Amino acid sequence: MTPDSQMPSPPFPSTGNAVLGLIVGGAIESVRSGEATVEEAILHAAVHGWYEGHVQGEDECPGCDFRGGLAKDSARG
């Protein structure tokens, strides 16, 4: 996936999100320094990246359960 690729709806933050950049950079550094295994760094980045997507979604749509084309409380699929 390239930085210009369309990202799916939540809980994914935008590719240009500054906090996401810090999370990914921290994960890479923790592996390089031996502070974490690759698996631990991936888990940490995934959890915190998901949360950052949630926060970004709340900022963009206060009161919404999720970002995307469906109205709140509508049937999904």
N, C-alpha and C. Protein backbone atom coordinates (compact mmCIF):
# COMPACT_ATOMS: atom_id res chain seq x y z
N MET A 1 0.84 -1.17 0.00
CA MET A 1 0.00 0.00 0.00
C MET A 1 0.89 1.23 0.00
N THR A 2 0.61 2.17 -0.86
CA THR A 2 1.38 3.41 -0.93
C THR A 2 0.73 4.47 -0.06
N PRO A 3 1.48 5.51 0.32
CA PRO A 3 0.90 6.57 1.15
C PRO A 3 -0.29 7.25 0.50
N ASP A 4 -0.39 7.21 -0.84
CA ASP A 4 -1.51 7.84 -1.54
C ASP A 4 -2.72 6.92 -1.68
N SER A 5 -2.59 5.65 -1.27
CA SER A 5 -3.69 4.70 -1.40
C SER A 5 -4.84 5.06 -0.47
N GLN A 6 -6.03 4.74 -0.89
CA GLN A 6 -7.22 4.96 -0.08
C GLN A 6 -7.21 3.99 1.10
N MET A 7 -7.34 4.49 2.30
CA MET A 7 -7.40 3.64 3.49
C MET A 7 -8.86 3.30 3.76
N PRO A 8 -9.10 2.16 4.37
CA PRO A 8 -10.48 1.80 4.70
C PRO A 8 -11.02 2.70 5.81
N SER A 9 -12.31 2.58 6.08
CA SER A 9 -12.93 3.32 7.18
C SER A 9 -12.37 2.83 8.51
N PRO A 10 -12.85 3.36 9.60
CA PRO A 10 -12.28 3.09 10.92
C PRO A 10 -12.04 1.61 11.17
N PRO A 11 -11.15 1.33 12.04
CA PRO A 11 -10.49 2.24 12.97
C PRO A 11 -9.13 2.70 12.50
N PHE A 12 -8.92 2.86 11.22
CA PHE A 12 -7.61 3.19 10.70
C PHE A 12 -7.41 4.70 10.63
N PRO A 13 -6.32 5.22 11.24
CA PRO A 13 -6.04 6.65 11.12
C PRO A 13 -5.54 6.95 9.71
N SER A 14 -5.58 8.20 9.30
CA SER A 14 -5.06 8.56 7.99
C SER A 14 -3.56 8.29 7.95
N THR A 15 -3.04 8.06 6.75
CA THR A 15 -1.63 7.72 6.61
C THR A 15 -0.72 8.88 7.00
N GLY A 16 -1.21 10.10 6.96
CA GLY A 16 -0.41 11.26 7.32
C GLY A 16 -0.53 11.65 8.79
N ASN A 17 -1.22 10.85 9.59
CA ASN A 17 -1.44 11.16 11.00
C ASN A 17 -0.11 11.19 11.74
N ALA A 18 0.20 12.33 12.40
CA ALA A 18 1.48 12.50 13.09
C ALA A 18 1.65 11.51 14.23
N VAL A 19 0.61 11.24 14.98
CA VAL A 19 0.72 10.29 16.10
C VAL A 19 1.00 8.89 15.57
N LEU A 20 0.36 8.52 14.47
CA LEU A 20 0.63 7.21 13.87
C LEU A 20 2.10 7.11 13.48
N GLY A 21 2.67 8.17 12.95
CA GLY A 21 4.09 8.18 12.61
C GLY A 21 4.97 7.94 13.82
N LEU A 22 4.61 8.55 14.95
CA LEU A 22 5.36 8.33 16.19
C LEU A 22 5.22 6.89 16.67
N ILE A 23 4.03 6.33 16.54
CA ILE A 23 3.79 4.95 16.98
C ILE A 23 4.64 3.98 16.15
N VAL A 24 4.61 4.15 14.84
CA VAL A 24 5.38 3.27 13.96
C VAL A 24 6.88 3.46 14.20
N GLY A 25 7.31 4.71 14.30
CA GLY A 25 8.73 4.97 14.57
C GLY A 25 9.18 4.38 15.89
N GLY A 26 8.34 4.48 16.90
CA GLY A 26 8.66 3.90 18.20
C GLY A 26 8.76 2.38 18.14
N ALA A 27 7.88 1.77 17.37
CA ALA A 27 7.92 0.32 17.22
C ALA A 27 9.21 -0.12 16.54
N ILE A 28 9.60 0.58 15.49
CA ILE A 28 10.84 0.24 14.78
C ILE A 28 12.03 0.41 15.71
N GLU A 29 12.07 1.51 16.43
CA GLU A 29 13.20 1.76 17.35
C GLU A 29 13.25 0.74 18.47
N SER A 30 12.10 0.32 18.98
CA SER A 30 12.11 -0.67 20.06
C SER A 30 12.67 -2.01 19.61
N VAL A 31 12.45 -2.37 18.35
CA VAL A 31 13.03 -3.61 17.82
C VAL A 31 14.52 -3.44 17.61
N ARG A 32 14.91 -2.31 17.02
CA ARG A 32 16.34 -2.07 16.75
C ARG A 32 17.16 -2.03 18.04
N SER A 33 16.58 -1.50 19.10
CA SER A 33 17.31 -1.38 20.37
C SER A 33 17.27 -2.65 21.20
N GLY A 34 16.45 -3.62 20.79
CA GLY A 34 16.31 -4.86 21.54
C GLY A 34 15.33 -4.77 22.69
N GLU A 35 14.65 -3.63 22.80
CA GLU A 35 13.67 -3.44 23.87
C GLU A 35 12.44 -4.33 23.68
N ALA A 36 12.12 -4.66 22.42
CA ALA A 36 10.94 -5.48 22.13
C ALA A 36 11.26 -6.42 20.98
N THR A 37 10.54 -7.53 20.95
CA THR A 37 10.62 -8.44 19.80
C THR A 37 9.78 -7.84 18.67
N VAL A 38 9.93 -8.37 17.48
CA VAL A 38 9.13 -7.90 16.35
C VAL A 38 7.64 -8.08 16.66
N GLU A 39 7.29 -9.23 17.23
CA GLU A 39 5.89 -9.51 17.56
C GLU A 39 5.35 -8.50 18.57
N GLU A 40 6.13 -8.18 19.60
CA GLU A 40 5.69 -7.21 20.60
C GLU A 40 5.52 -5.82 19.99
N ALA A 41 6.45 -5.44 19.13
CA ALA A 41 6.37 -4.12 18.50
C ALA A 41 5.15 -4.02 17.57
N ILE A 42 4.88 -5.09 16.84
CA ILE A 42 3.70 -5.10 15.95
C ILE A 42 2.42 -5.00 16.77
N LEU A 43 2.33 -5.77 17.83
CA LEU A 43 1.14 -5.73 18.68
C LEU A 43 0.95 -4.33 19.27
N HIS A 44 2.01 -3.75 19.79
CA HIS A 44 1.93 -2.42 20.37
C HIS A 44 1.46 -1.41 19.32
N ALA A 45 2.08 -1.43 18.13
CA ALA A 45 1.72 -0.49 17.08
C ALA A 45 0.28 -0.70 16.60
N ALA A 46 -0.15 -1.95 16.50
CA ALA A 46 -1.52 -2.23 16.05
C ALA A 46 -2.55 -1.69 17.04
N VAL A 47 -2.34 -1.95 18.31
CA VAL A 47 -3.29 -1.51 19.33
C VAL A 47 -3.35 0.01 19.39
N HIS A 48 -2.18 0.64 19.44
CA HIS A 48 -2.16 2.10 19.56
C HIS A 48 -2.57 2.77 18.25
N GLY A 49 -2.27 2.16 17.11
CA GLY A 49 -2.73 2.68 15.83
C GLY A 49 -4.25 2.61 15.72
N TRP A 50 -4.84 1.50 16.17
CA TRP A 50 -6.30 1.37 16.16
C TRP A 50 -6.91 2.48 17.03
N TYR A 51 -6.35 2.68 18.20
CA TYR A 51 -6.89 3.69 19.10
C TYR A 51 -6.78 5.09 18.49
N GLU A 52 -5.66 5.37 17.84
CA GLU A 52 -5.49 6.68 17.20
C GLU A 52 -6.53 6.87 16.10
N GLY A 53 -6.86 5.80 15.37
CA GLY A 53 -7.92 5.87 14.36
C GLY A 53 -9.26 6.18 15.00
N HIS A 54 -9.51 5.59 16.16
CA HIS A 54 -10.75 5.85 16.89
C HIS A 54 -10.83 7.32 17.29
N VAL A 55 -9.73 7.84 17.83
CA VAL A 55 -9.69 9.25 18.24
C VAL A 55 -9.89 10.16 17.04
N GLN A 56 -9.22 9.87 15.94
CA GLN A 56 -9.38 10.68 14.73
C GLN A 56 -10.82 10.64 14.25
N GLY A 57 -11.46 9.48 14.30
CA GLY A 57 -12.86 9.37 13.89
C GLY A 57 -13.77 10.21 14.77
N GLU A 58 -13.53 10.21 16.08
CA GLU A 58 -14.34 11.03 16.98
C GLU A 58 -14.15 12.51 16.70
N ASP A 59 -12.92 12.91 16.37
CA ASP A 59 -12.65 14.31 16.06
C ASP A 59 -13.37 14.74 14.79
N GLU A 60 -13.43 13.86 13.80
CA GLU A 60 -14.04 14.18 12.52
C GLU A 60 -15.56 14.07 12.54
N CYS A 61 -16.09 13.24 13.44
CA CYS A 61 -17.54 13.03 13.49
C CYS A 61 -17.97 12.83 14.93
N PRO A 62 -18.05 13.92 15.73
CA PRO A 62 -18.47 13.77 17.13
C PRO A 62 -19.85 13.12 17.21
N GLY A 63 -19.99 12.16 18.08
CA GLY A 63 -21.27 11.48 18.25
C GLY A 63 -21.48 10.28 17.36
N CYS A 64 -20.63 10.10 16.34
CA CYS A 64 -20.77 8.95 15.45
C CYS A 64 -20.13 7.72 16.10
N ASP A 65 -20.69 6.56 15.80
CA ASP A 65 -20.11 5.31 16.28
C ASP A 65 -18.92 4.91 15.43
N PHE A 66 -18.88 5.36 14.19
CA PHE A 66 -17.83 4.99 13.27
C PHE A 66 -17.83 5.98 12.12
N ARG A 67 -16.69 6.03 11.40
CA ARG A 67 -16.63 6.83 10.17
C ARG A 67 -17.03 5.94 9.01
N GLY A 68 -17.54 6.52 7.99
CA GLY A 68 -17.92 5.75 6.82
C GLY A 68 -19.22 6.26 6.25
N GLY A 69 -19.75 5.57 5.26
CA GLY A 69 -20.91 6.02 4.55
C GLY A 69 -22.24 5.69 5.20
N LEU A 70 -22.25 4.85 6.22
CA LEU A 70 -23.50 4.44 6.85
C LEU A 70 -23.88 5.38 7.98
N ALA A 71 -25.15 5.64 8.11
CA ALA A 71 -25.65 6.47 9.21
C ALA A 71 -25.52 5.69 10.52
N LYS A 72 -25.43 6.44 11.62
CA LYS A 72 -25.33 5.82 12.94
C LYS A 72 -26.53 4.89 13.16
N ASP A 73 -26.28 3.72 13.73
CA ASP A 73 -27.28 2.72 14.06
C ASP A 73 -27.95 2.09 12.83
N SER A 74 -27.37 2.22 11.63
CA SER A 74 -27.95 1.57 10.46
C SER A 74 -27.42 0.15 10.35
N ALA A 75 -28.12 -0.68 9.59
CA ALA A 75 -27.70 -2.07 9.39
C ALA A 75 -26.44 -2.10 8.54
N ARG A 76 -25.49 -2.94 8.92
CA ARG A 76 -24.23 -3.05 8.18
C ARG A 76 -24.21 -4.35 7.41
N GLY A 77 -24.48 -4.29 6.13
CA GLY A 77 -24.39 -5.46 5.28
C GLY A 77 -25.55 -6.34 5.45
